[in-house]
Each structure stands twice: as structure tokens, then as C-alpha cells.
């Protein structure tokens, strides 16, 4: 009875006390500013979902009215970290009041969308965002995202790519093993020696003196390269995750 009561209390806390997210987990279009109609959001969400699933990299857009004193980059990072998204992705945050934007990239998204790429993307959709043409702005954004994902290596359907790699590895092993096994079977006169002395002709080697002589020392020094992915600058979010991205005013 006591255990059941504790379970009921825990469920109550989870349901009513803990803060609830204002958007669904994994939602590709977060419209906290209410700038899109239901139909526009549904149509855009379908397009964003298709691209995200095709490349296994989440492409997300978020609209808010105000940062409420927060930093745009940190806000974008937290939206991504707390949104139930894939480890790899990109999020574009747009603030409608005092127009401001921020990109947050994560995982593979950091290398796919470097700083120059992000500047190009905002160049293609920033003016439309400021004019309030949000549908065309997001269409430009997702089109550019697809272009950069294609350039980075095309489709990366996680499980399918992994399975193909395993099949290729097994196939290569089998094809390589058959001829080697055939050659080995013909080496009937060759046997393994367990002692190095067995390879020396008896009486041919005589050692009269043994000494350890230091000849020389050679050290190769290679400069340590700073960790950097392409032209992407990275930072750590409040959640302790590594993100890339840029931000600015429009």
C-alpha cells in the first residue's frame, strides 16, 4: 500500500509539478511567436521531417517573440538540447521583436554547416524573415540545408548505412579468405618454428663477445593541431554539449 502511494505521488509530480515543454519532442517547426498558420506549419513540418529523416540530421526552425534577457546562441542551444532531437542537426532561431537570429549546430551538423555556410544560409533567408515572409524564408532555409547535406555525402540513413557496411565487410572477408585458404593448403612442406635458433644453420653462427652499445637517438616532433572542424567555431552549451553556430542582428 505504501509503495503504491509513493508511485502515485511520483506520477503526480511528473504530471503537474515539473515544467512542461511548450513544444513536442522532435518538432521541426517551433512557432512560439504564432507567425505561421496551422496549414503553413503542417506543410513546412512535413518538408523538414522528410529532409531530416533522409539524411539522419535534424533540420529545425524556431520562432520566438523575445529572448527575455537571454542570449540568442545559448537560447538556440537549449532549444536543441532539450527538444528530443538527433545527436546531429541544425537549428535556426529567429526573434521577431528586435529582429535577431542564431544558428545552433550539433554533432555532424557542426562539420556539414560551417560558419561560412551559415552566413550563406542567413543571407538567403534573412531578408525574407525580416519582411515577415516566413514561409518562403523557411523554404529557402531547408533547400540550402539539403544542398549542404548533399555536398557532405548525401543520404546517411543510420541503420541502413551501418548494415551495408557490415555486409560489405563480411563479403570482403569471404572473398579474401577463399584464395588465401587455397594457397595455404598447398604449403605442405612448410611448418611453424617456435624457436629462433631453428632458423640458423647449425655451426654457422659463433658469438665471441656480447656488448650493448648506444648508437644514436632520433626524436620526431610534430606540432599539436588545435581541434577544429573546417571553418566551424564551437562552444559549450549550458547543458554541457558542444555546439557550433553563429548569431547576429537583422
Foldseek 3Di string as FASTA:
>chain_A
DVVVVVVVVVVCCVVPVDDDDPDAALQQEAEQPPLDDPVLSVVLSVLQVVLCQQAVAHHHEYEDADPVPDDQALVQVCCVVPRNGGQFYKYWYFHQHQTKIKMKTGDVRPQLQAPVLQVVLCVQQVVCVNVSVVSVSSVSNSVSSSVSSVVVPGGCNPVVVVVVVVVVVVVVCVVVVVVVVVVVVPPPVDDDDPDPVVVDDPPPDDDDDDDDDDDDDDDDDDDDDDDDRDNWDWDAHPVRGIITMDMDGD
